[in-house]
Structures are given as C-alpha cells and as structure tokens.
Amino acid sequence: YYEKMEESGAQVAELLDQLRQKLEDEPVMIAGPGGCNLCKECAAKLSEPCRFPEQKRYSLEGSGMDIVSMSRKLGMTYNAGDKKVGFFMMVLY
C-alpha cells in the first residue's frame, strides 16, 4: 500500500499548493505533512538562504508541533485505521 500512500501524499501536496496560491496575498503560514521538497538539494544543507522563500513548504512535525497530541485534544482521528493514511495541515494567521 506504499504506492497508495505516495499517491495520496502527492494529492495533499497539490491541494496545499493550490491553497498557497489562493492565500498568497494573506499574511499566513501554511504547514503540512512532510518536509519541503521544492529543490533537489535544500539550500539549508549548504548553509545558504532558501532559494524560494515565498514557496517553501513548512512541515508541521518539523516545526515542532506534536500532531498526535493536537489531534487528540481536538477530537480528530490521527490513526486513520488499517491501510489508511491521515494527513494534517494547518493555516496560521
């Protein structure tokens, strides 16, 4: 079921990109699952500034957010069940 997880992850990334475009003039930070994958090699690994600061993708987990605790406190299902994947994203104003 790895292929299904990979496919749904790509769909989530596309939805997040669409949301970023719709909110591009708003002072928001959008965070989602996984890390930023805009560049083949991240500039941060080279101690350089981001090449695409307006497009970079923030990771909920990478930002230090405890997604499991947050989902439980909000009554959301973190574990989607057998052979299912749950994705979380957040828009911060």
PDB file of N, CA and C in Angstrom:
ATOM      1  N   TYR A   1       0.817  -1.216   0.000  1.00  0.00           N
ATOM      2  CA  TYR A   1       0.000   0.000   0.000  1.00  0.00           C
ATOM      3  C   TYR A   1       0.854   1.271   0.000  1.00  0.00           C
ATOM      4  N   TYR A   2       2.156   1.073  -0.170  1.00  0.00           N
ATOM      5  CA  TYR A   2       3.053   2.226  -0.219  1.00  0.00           C
ATOM      6  C   TYR A   2       2.693   3.151  -1.387  1.00  0.00           C
ATOM      7  N   GLU A   3       2.354   2.567  -2.522  1.00  0.00           N
ATOM      8  CA  GLU A   3       2.014   3.366  -3.703  1.00  0.00           C
ATOM      9  C   GLU A   3       0.796   4.245  -3.431  1.00  0.00           C
ATOM     10  N   LYS A   4      -0.175   3.681  -2.735  1.00  0.00           N
ATOM     11  CA  LYS A   4      -1.386   4.444  -2.400  1.00  0.00           C
ATOM     12  C   LYS A   4      -1.034   5.615  -1.476  1.00  0.00           C
ATOM     13  N   MET A   5      -0.156   5.372  -0.499  1.00  0.00           N
ATOM     14  CA  MET A   5       0.273   6.428   0.417  1.00  0.00           C
ATOM     15  C   MET A   5       1.029   7.512  -0.348  1.00  0.00           C
ATOM     16  N   GLU A   6       1.885   7.104  -1.260  1.00  0.00           N
ATOM     17  CA  GLU A   6       2.644   8.058  -2.051  1.00  0.00           C
ATOM     18  C   GLU A   6       1.718   8.896  -2.935  1.00  0.00           C
ATOM     19  N   GLU A   7       0.740   8.246  -3.533  1.00  0.00           N
ATOM     20  CA  GLU A   7      -0.229   8.935  -4.384  1.00  0.00           C
ATOM     21  C   GLU A   7      -1.055   9.937  -3.591  1.00  0.00           C
ATOM     22  N   SER A   8      -1.543   9.526  -2.438  1.00  0.00           N
ATOM     23  CA  SER A   8      -2.355  10.442  -1.629  1.00  0.00           C
ATOM     24  C   SER A   8      -1.496  11.582  -1.080  1.00  0.00           C
ATOM     25  N   GLY A   9      -0.231  11.321  -0.794  1.00  0.00           N
ATOM     26  CA  GLY A   9       0.676  12.385  -0.353  1.00  0.00           C
ATOM     27  C   GLY A   9       0.873  13.430  -1.443  1.00  0.00           C
ATOM     28  N   ALA A  10       0.978  12.983  -2.680  1.00  0.00           N
ATOM     29  CA  ALA A  10       1.106  13.911  -3.810  1.00  0.00           C
ATOM     30  C   ALA A  10      -0.160  14.741  -3.981  1.00  0.00           C
ATOM     31  N   GLN A  11      -1.325  14.117  -3.758  1.00  0.00           N
ATOM     32  CA  GLN A  11      -2.586  14.851  -3.849  1.00  0.00           C
ATOM     33  C   GLN A  11      -2.669  15.928  -2.763  1.00  0.00           C
ATOM     34  N   VAL A  12      -2.233  15.591  -1.570  1.00  0.00           N
ATOM     35  CA  VAL A  12      -2.238  16.570  -0.471  1.00  0.00           C
ATOM     36  C   VAL A  12      -1.298  17.720  -0.795  1.00  0.00           C
ATOM     37  N   ALA A  13      -0.116  17.419  -1.322  1.00  0.00           N
ATOM     38  CA  ALA A  13       0.843  18.468  -1.693  1.00  0.00           C
ATOM     39  C   ALA A  13       0.250  19.398  -2.746  1.00  0.00           C
ATOM     40  N   GLU A  14      -0.467  18.843  -3.712  1.00  0.00           N
ATOM     41  CA  GLU A  14      -1.108  19.651  -4.743  1.00  0.00           C
ATOM     42  C   GLU A  14      -2.189  20.552  -4.142  1.00  0.00           C
ATOM     43  N   LEU A  15      -2.980  20.006  -3.236  1.00  0.00           N
ATOM     44  CA  LEU A  15      -4.009  20.819  -2.568  1.00  0.00           C
ATOM     45  C   LEU A  15      -3.388  21.950  -1.758  1.00  0.00           C
ATOM     46  N   LEU A  16      -2.279  21.647  -1.079  1.00  0.00           N
ATOM     47  CA  LEU A  16      -1.597  22.690  -0.309  1.00  0.00           C
ATOM     48  C   LEU A  16      -1.047  23.776  -1.225  1.00  0.00           C
ATOM     49  N   ASP A  17      -0.519  23.394  -2.379  1.00  0.00           N
ATOM     50  CA  ASP A  17      -0.022  24.382  -3.344  1.00  0.00           C
ATOM     51  C   ASP A  17      -1.162  25.270  -3.842  1.00  0.00           C
ATOM     52  N   GLN A  18      -2.324  24.677  -4.102  1.00  0.00           N
ATOM     53  CA  GLN A  18      -3.486  25.460  -4.531  1.00  0.00           C
ATOM     54  C   GLN A  18      -3.914  26.430  -3.432  1.00  0.00           C
ATOM     55  N   LEU A  19      -3.902  25.958  -2.196  1.00  0.00           N
ATOM     56  CA  LEU A  19      -4.260  26.818  -1.072  1.00  0.00           C
ATOM     57  C   LEU A  19      -3.264  27.966  -0.927  1.00  0.00           C
ATOM     58  N   ARG A  20      -1.970  27.666  -1.090  1.00  0.00           N
ATOM     59  CA  ARG A  20      -0.954  28.721  -1.019  1.00  0.00           C
ATOM     60  C   ARG A  20      -1.198  29.781  -2.083  1.00  0.00           C
ATOM     61  N   GLN A  21      -1.563  29.354  -3.279  1.00  0.00           N
ATOM     62  CA  GLN A  21      -1.838  30.310  -4.357  1.00  0.00           C
ATOM     63  C   GLN A  21      -3.034  31.192  -4.016  1.00  0.00           C
ATOM     64  N   LYS A  22      -4.078  30.585  -3.465  1.00  0.00           N
ATOM     65  CA  LYS A  22      -5.275  31.363  -3.116  1.00  0.00           C
ATOM     66  C   LYS A  22      -4.999  32.354  -1.993  1.00  0.00           C
ATOM     67  N   LEU A  23      -4.075  32.011  -1.103  1.00  0.00           N
ATOM     68  CA  LEU A  23      -3.788  32.868   0.053  1.00  0.00           C
ATOM     69  C   LEU A  23      -2.466  33.627  -0.086  1.00  0.00           C
ATOM     70  N   GLU A  24      -1.952  33.719  -1.312  1.00  0.00           N
ATOM     71  CA  GLU A  24      -0.631  34.308  -1.496  1.00  0.00           C
ATOM     72  C   GLU A  24      -0.526  35.761  -1.030  1.00  0.00           C
ATOM     73  N   ASP A  25      -1.627  36.490  -1.014  1.00  0.00           N
ATOM     74  CA  ASP A  25      -1.603  37.886  -0.571  1.00  0.00           C
ATOM     75  C   ASP A  25      -1.951  38.047   0.906  1.00  0.00           C
ATOM     76  N   GLU A  26      -2.159  36.940   1.589  1.00  0.00           N
ATOM     77  CA  GLU A  26      -2.513  36.970   3.003  1.00  0.00           C
ATOM     78  C   GLU A  26      -1.271  36.683   3.860  1.00  0.00           C
ATOM     79  N   PRO A  27      -1.206  37.287   5.037  1.00  0.00           N
ATOM     80  CA  PRO A  27      -0.060  37.037   5.930  1.00  0.00           C
ATOM     81  C   PRO A  27      -0.235  35.727   6.704  1.00  0.00           C
ATOM     82  N   VAL A  28      -0.063  34.607   6.012  1.00  0.00           N
ATOM     83  CA  VAL A  28      -0.280  33.301   6.624  1.00  0.00           C
ATOM     84  C   VAL A  28       0.944  32.409   6.448  1.00  0.00           C
ATOM     85  N   MET A  29       1.014  31.410   7.308  1.00  0.00           N
ATOM     86  CA  MET A  29       1.981  30.333   7.146  1.00  0.00           C
ATOM     87  C   MET A  29       1.166  29.061   7.018  1.00  0.00           C
ATOM     88  N   ILE A  30       1.437  28.291   5.982  1.00  0.00           N
ATOM     89  CA  ILE A  30       0.737  27.036   5.763  1.00  0.00           C
ATOM     90  C   ILE A  30       1.721  25.906   6.020  1.00  0.00           C
ATOM     91  N   ALA A  31       1.340  25.007   6.890  1.00  0.00           N
ATOM     92  CA  ALA A  31       2.193  23.858   7.211  1.00  0.00           C
ATOM     93  C   ALA A  31       1.428  22.582   6.936  1.00  0.00           C
ATOM     94  N   GLY A  32       2.153  21.569   6.513  1.00  0.00           N
ATOM     95  CA  GLY A  32       1.508  20.306   6.191  1.00  0.00           C
ATOM     96  C   GLY A  32       2.401  19.125   6.511  1.00  0.00           C
ATOM     97  N   PRO A  33       2.030  17.968   6.000  1.00  0.00           N
ATOM     98  CA  PRO A  33       2.807  16.758   6.283  1.00  0.00           C
ATOM     99  C   PRO A  33       4.102  16.729   5.478  1.00  0.00           C
ATOM    100  N   GLY A  34       5.113  16.144   6.060  1.00  0.00           N
ATOM    101  CA  GLY A  34       6.382  16.000   5.356  1.00  0.00           C
ATOM    102  C   GLY A  34       7.167  17.291   5.279  1.00  0.00           C
ATOM    103  N   GLY A  35       8.289  17.220   4.662  1.00  0.00           N
ATOM    104  CA  GLY A  35       9.151  18.396   4.542  1.00  0.00           C
ATOM    105  C   GLY A  35       9.018  19.070   3.191  1.00  0.00           C
ATOM    106  N   CYS A  36       9.741  20.140   3.041  1.00  0.00           N
ATOM    107  CA  CYS A  36       9.766  20.866   1.781  1.00  0.00           C
ATOM    108  C   CYS A  36      10.553  20.039   0.762  1.00  0.00           C
ATOM    109  N   ASN A  37      10.021  19.958  -0.439  1.00  0.00           N
ATOM    110  CA  ASN A  37      10.712  19.195  -1.479  1.00  0.00           C
ATOM    111  C   ASN A  37      10.797  19.974  -2.788  1.00  0.00           C
ATOM    112  N   LEU A  38      10.839  21.289  -2.684  1.00  0.00           N
ATOM    113  CA  LEU A  38      10.903  22.107  -3.894  1.00  0.00           C
ATOM    114  C   LEU A  38      12.230  21.932  -4.637  1.00  0.00           C
ATOM    115  N   CYS A  39      13.297  21.819  -3.901  1.00  0.00           N
ATOM    116  CA  CYS A  39      14.629  21.726  -4.512  1.00  0.00           C
ATOM    117  C   CYS A  39      15.179  20.312  -4.396  1.00  0.00           C
ATOM    118  N   LYS A  40      15.984  19.930  -5.361  1.00  0.00           N
ATOM    119  CA  LYS A  40      16.618  18.608  -5.304  1.00  0.00           C
ATOM    120  C   LYS A  40      17.498  18.517  -4.070  1.00  0.00           C
ATOM    121  N   GLU A  41      18.258  19.580  -3.794  1.00  0.00           N
ATOM    122  CA  GLU A  41      19.047  19.664  -2.566  1.00  0.00           C
ATOM    123  C   GLU A  41      18.732  20.995  -1.891  1.00  0.00           C
ATOM    124  N   CYS A  42      18.274  20.924  -0.658  1.00  0.00           N
ATOM    125  CA  CYS A  42      17.879  22.122   0.087  1.00  0.00           C
ATOM    126  C   CYS A  42      19.083  23.030   0.333  1.00  0.00           C
ATOM    127  N   ALA A  43      18.887  24.325   0.134  1.00  0.00           N
ATOM    128  CA  ALA A  43      19.943  25.304   0.363  1.00  0.00           C
ATOM    129  C   ALA A  43      20.377  25.322   1.830  1.00  0.00           C
ATOM    130  N   ALA A  44      19.467  24.981   2.736  1.00  0.00           N
ATOM    131  CA  ALA A  44      19.811  24.971   4.162  1.00  0.00           C
ATOM    132  C   ALA A  44      20.935  23.982   4.451  1.00  0.00           C
ATOM    133  N   LYS A  45      20.985  22.891   3.698  1.00  0.00           N
ATOM    134  CA  LYS A  45      22.053  21.914   3.881  1.00  0.00           C
ATOM    135  C   LYS A  45      23.414  22.487   3.505  1.00  0.00           C
ATOM    136  N   LEU A  46      23.386  23.542   2.698  1.00  0.00           N
ATOM    137  CA  LEU A  46      24.614  24.202   2.263  1.00  0.00           C
ATOM    138  C   LEU A  46      24.857  25.500   3.027  1.00  0.00           C
ATOM    139  N   SER A  47      24.074  25.706   4.093  1.00  0.00           N
ATOM    140  CA  SER A  47      24.134  26.941   4.908  1.00  0.00           C
ATOM    141  C   SER A  47      23.846  28.187   4.076  1.00  0.00           C
ATOM    142  N   GLU A  48      22.944  28.043   3.125  1.00  0.00           N
ATOM    143  CA  GLU A  48      22.545  29.153   2.262  1.00  0.00           C
ATOM    144  C   GLU A  48      21.076  29.478   2.513  1.00  0.00           C
ATOM    145  N   PRO A  49      20.645  30.709   2.169  1.00  0.00           N
ATOM    146  CA  PRO A  49      19.227  31.040   2.328  1.00  0.00           C
ATOM    147  C   PRO A  49      18.366  30.273   1.325  1.00  0.00           C
ATOM    148  N   CYS A  50      17.116  30.140   1.654  1.00  0.00           N
ATOM    149  CA  CYS A  50      16.160  29.442   0.801  1.00  0.00           C
ATOM    150  C   CYS A  50      16.117  30.093  -0.585  1.00  0.00           C
ATOM    151  N   ARG A  51      16.119  29.260  -1.597  1.00  0.00           N
ATOM    152  CA  ARG A  51      16.063  29.750  -2.975  1.00  0.00           C
ATOM    153  C   ARG A  51      14.665  30.248  -3.353  1.00  0.00           C
ATOM    154  N   PHE A  52      13.661  29.721  -2.681  1.00  0.00           N
ATOM    155  CA  PHE A  52      12.268  30.068  -2.984  1.00  0.00           C
ATOM    156  C   PHE A  52      11.508  30.367  -1.697  1.00  0.00           C
ATOM    157  N   PRO A  53      11.864  31.442  -0.984  1.00  0.00           N
ATOM    158  CA  PRO A  53      11.241  31.703   0.326  1.00  0.00           C
ATOM    159  C   PRO A  53       9.723  31.893   0.267  1.00  0.00           C
ATOM    160  N   GLU A  54       9.208  32.353  -0.847  1.00  0.00           N
ATOM    161  CA  GLU A  54       7.760  32.559  -0.963  1.00  0.00           C
ATOM    162  C   GLU A  54       7.022  31.253  -1.245  1.00  0.00           C
ATOM    163  N   GLN A  55       7.749  30.216  -1.620  1.00  0.00           N
ATOM    164  CA  GLN A  55       7.109  28.958  -1.987  1.00  0.00           C
ATOM    165  C   GLN A  55       7.457  27.811  -1.046  1.00  0.00           C
ATOM    166  N   LYS A  56       8.387  28.037  -0.129  1.00  0.00           N
ATOM    167  CA  LYS A  56       8.835  26.908   0.685  1.00  0.00           C
ATOM    168  C   LYS A  56       7.692  26.324   1.490  1.00  0.00           C
ATOM    169  N   ARG A  57       7.827  25.053   1.740  1.00  0.00           N
ATOM    170  CA  ARG A  57       6.780  24.287   2.409  1.00  0.00           C
ATOM    171  C   ARG A  57       7.221  23.985   3.834  1.00  0.00           C
ATOM    172  N   TYR A  58       6.375  24.341   4.772  1.00  0.00           N
ATOM    173  CA  TYR A  58       6.679  24.103   6.183  1.00  0.00           C
ATOM    174  C   TYR A  58       6.078  22.779   6.627  1.00  0.00           C
ATOM    175  N   SER A  59       6.824  22.062   7.430  1.00  0.00           N
ATOM    176  CA  SER A  59       6.378  20.791   7.968  1.00  0.00           C
ATOM    177  C   SER A  59       5.804  20.999   9.363  1.00  0.00           C
ATOM    178  N   LEU A  60       4.605  20.436   9.620  1.00  0.00           N
ATOM    179  CA  LEU A  60       4.043  20.522  10.965  1.00  0.00           C
ATOM    180  C   LEU A  60       4.982  19.876  11.977  1.00  0.00           C
ATOM    181  N   GLU A  61       5.402  18.647  11.682  1.00  0.00           N
ATOM    182  CA  GLU A  61       6.275  17.928  12.600  1.00  0.00           C
ATOM    183  C   GLU A  61       7.629  18.620  12.702  1.00  0.00           C
ATOM    184  N   GLY A  62       8.153  19.065  11.571  1.00  0.00           N
ATOM    185  CA  GLY A  62       9.455  19.732  11.547  1.00  0.00           C
ATOM    186  C   GLY A  62       9.455  21.062  12.276  1.00  0.00           C
ATOM    187  N   SER A  63       8.268  21.649  12.447  1.00  0.00           N
ATOM    188  CA  SER A  63       8.148  22.904  13.187  1.00  0.00           C
ATOM    189  C   SER A  63       8.020  22.671  14.688  1.00  0.00           C
ATOM    190  N   GLY A  64       8.036  21.390  15.075  1.00  0.00           N
ATOM    191  CA  GLY A  64       7.976  21.052  16.493  1.00  0.00           C
ATOM    192  C   GLY A  64       6.582  20.812  17.033  1.00  0.00           C
ATOM    193  N   MET A  65       5.593  20.755  16.162  1.00  0.00           N
ATOM    194  CA  MET A  65       4.224  20.526  16.618  1.00  0.00           C
ATOM    195  C   MET A  65       3.991  19.039  16.882  1.00  0.00           C
ATOM    196  N   ASP A  66       3.362  18.748  17.993  1.00  0.00           N
ATOM    197  CA  ASP A  66       3.029  17.365  18.357  1.00  0.00           C
ATOM    198  C   ASP A  66       1.657  17.052  17.772  1.00  0.00           C
ATOM    199  N   ILE A  67       1.662  16.480  16.590  1.00  0.00           N
ATOM    200  CA  ILE A  67       0.424  16.254  15.853  1.00  0.00           C
ATOM    201  C   ILE A  67      -0.486  15.262  16.563  1.00  0.00           C
ATOM    202  N   VAL A  68       0.075  14.242  17.170  1.00  0.00           N
ATOM    203  CA  VAL A  68      -0.747  13.250  17.865  1.00  0.00           C
ATOM    204  C   VAL A  68      -1.498  13.904  19.015  1.00  0.00           C
ATOM    205  N   SER A  69      -0.794  14.655  19.857  1.00  0.00           N
ATOM    206  CA  SER A  69      -1.447  15.335  20.986  1.00  0.00           C
ATOM    207  C   SER A  69      -2.467  16.351  20.505  1.00  0.00           C
ATOM    208  N   MET A  70      -2.099  17.135  19.491  1.00  0.00           N
ATOM    209  CA  MET A  70      -3.011  18.144  18.968  1.00  0.00           C
ATOM    210  C   MET A  70      -4.286  17.490  18.451  1.00  0.00           C
ATOM    211  N   SER A  71      -4.146  16.411  17.679  1.00  0.00           N
ATOM    212  CA  SER A  71      -5.329  15.770  17.111  1.00  0.00           C
ATOM    213  C   SER A  71      -6.222  15.199  18.204  1.00  0.00           C
ATOM    214  N   ARG A  72      -5.618  14.637  19.238  1.00  0.00           N
ATOM    215  CA  ARG A  72      -6.423  14.091  20.342  1.00  0.00           C
ATOM    216  C   ARG A  72      -7.180  15.192  21.072  1.00  0.00           C
ATOM    217  N   LYS A  73      -6.499  16.311  21.332  1.00  0.00           N
ATOM    218  CA  LYS A  73      -7.153  17.421  22.034  1.00  0.00           C
ATOM    219  C   LYS A  73      -8.310  18.005  21.230  1.00  0.00           C
ATOM    220  N   LEU A  74      -8.198  17.943  19.907  1.00  0.00           N
ATOM    221  CA  LEU A  74      -9.246  18.485  19.046  1.00  0.00           C
ATOM    222  C   LEU A  74     -10.286  17.443  18.638  1.00  0.00           C
ATOM    223  N   GLY A  75     -10.117  16.218  19.152  1.00  0.00           N
ATOM    224  CA  GLY A  75     -11.065  15.156  18.831  1.00  0.00           C
ATOM    225  C   GLY A  75     -10.965  14.675  17.393  1.00  0.00           C
ATOM    226  N   MET A  76      -9.782  14.811  16.813  1.00  0.00           N
ATOM    227  CA  MET A  76      -9.561  14.384  15.435  1.00  0.00           C
ATOM    228  C   MET A  76      -8.890  13.012  15.430  1.00  0.00           C
ATOM    229  N   THR A  77      -9.098  12.257  14.376  1.00  0.00           N
ATOM    230  CA  THR A  77      -8.510  10.933  14.265  1.00  0.00           C
ATOM    231  C   THR A  77      -7.134  11.029  13.630  1.00  0.00           C
ATOM    232  N   TYR A  78      -6.121  10.658  14.392  1.00  0.00           N
ATOM    233  CA  TYR A  78      -4.758  10.657  13.851  1.00  0.00           C
ATOM    234  C   TYR A  78      -4.490   9.359  13.104  1.00  0.00           C
ATOM    235  N   ASN A  79      -4.888   8.260  13.701  1.00  0.00           N
ATOM    236  CA  ASN A  79      -4.706   6.959  13.070  1.00  0.00           C
ATOM    237  C   ASN A  79      -5.947   6.675  12.237  1.00  0.00           C
ATOM    238  N   ALA A  80      -5.784   6.670  10.921  1.00  0.00           N
ATOM    239  CA  ALA A  80      -6.929   6.513  10.026  1.00  0.00           C
ATOM    240  C   ALA A  80      -7.404   5.066   9.918  1.00  0.00           C
ATOM    241  N   GLY A  81      -6.692   4.148  10.541  1.00  0.00           N
ATOM    242  CA  GLY A  81      -7.117   2.755  10.506  1.00  0.00           C
ATOM    243  C   GLY A  81      -6.289   1.919   9.557  1.00  0.00           C
ATOM    244  N   ASP A  82      -6.670   0.676   9.452  1.00  0.00           N
ATOM    245  CA  ASP A  82      -5.950  -0.296   8.635  1.00  0.00           C
ATOM    246  C   ASP A  82      -5.845   0.154   7.176  1.00  0.00           C
ATOM    247  N   LYS A  83      -4.627   0.220   6.673  1.00  0.00           N
ATOM    248  CA  LYS A  83      -4.328   0.542   5.274  1.00  0.00           C
ATOM    249  C   LYS A  83      -4.821   1.926   4.864  1.00  0.00           C
ATOM    250  N   LYS A  84      -4.878   2.850   5.824  1.00  0.00           N
ATOM    251  CA  LYS A  84      -5.285   4.224   5.539  1.00  0.00           C
ATOM    252  C   LYS A  84      -4.251   5.173   6.131  1.00  0.00           C
ATOM    253  N   VAL A  85      -4.166   6.345   5.541  1.00  0.00           N
ATOM    254  CA  VAL A  85      -3.209   7.347   6.000  1.00  0.00           C
ATOM    255  C   VAL A  85      -3.965   8.631   6.289  1.00  0.00           C
ATOM    256  N   GLY A  86      -3.662   9.249   7.412  1.00  0.00           N
ATOM    257  CA  GLY A  86      -4.248  10.544   7.743  1.00  0.00           C
ATOM    258  C   GLY A  86      -3.215  11.640   7.546  1.00  0.00           C
ATOM    259  N   PHE A  87      -3.609  12.733   6.936  1.00  0.00           N
ATOM    260  CA  PHE A  87      -2.715  13.867   6.730  1.00  0.00           C
ATOM    261  C   PHE A  87      -3.285  15.085   7.451  1.00  0.00           C
ATOM    262  N   PHE A  88      -2.423  15.841   8.092  1.00  0.00           N
ATOM    263  CA  PHE A  88      -2.838  17.057   8.781  1.00  0.00           C
ATOM    264  C   PHE A  88      -2.134  18.250   8.166  1.00  0.00           C
ATOM    265  N   MET A  89      -2.863  19.341   8.088  1.00  0.00           N
ATOM    266  CA  MET A  89      -2.284  20.597   7.621  1.00  0.00           C
ATOM    267  C   MET A  89      -2.878  21.729   8.441  1.00  0.00           C
ATOM    268  N   MET A  90      -2.196  22.862   8.435  1.00  0.00           N
ATOM    269  CA  MET A  90      -2.624  23.965   9.286  1.00  0.00           C
ATOM    270  C   MET A  90      -2.336  25.296   8.594  1.00  0.00           C
ATOM    271  N   VAL A  91      -3.255  26.230   8.743  1.00  0.00           N
ATOM    272  CA  VAL A  91      -3.043  27.593   8.251  1.00  0.00           C
ATOM    273  C   VAL A  91      -2.963  28.490   9.467  1.00  0.00           C
ATOM    274  N   LEU A  92      -1.836  29.150   9.632  1.00  0.00           N
ATOM    275  CA  LEU A  92      -1.613  30.032  10.773  1.00  0.00           C
ATOM    276  C   LEU A  92      -1.680  31.488  10.326  1.00  0.00           C
ATOM    277  N   TYR A  93      -2.542  32.248  10.991  1.00  0.00           N
ATOM    278  CA  TYR A  93      -2.672  33.686  10.684  1.00  0.00           C
ATOM    279  C   TYR A  93      -1.910  34.486  11.695  1.00  0.00           C
TER     280      TYR A  93
END
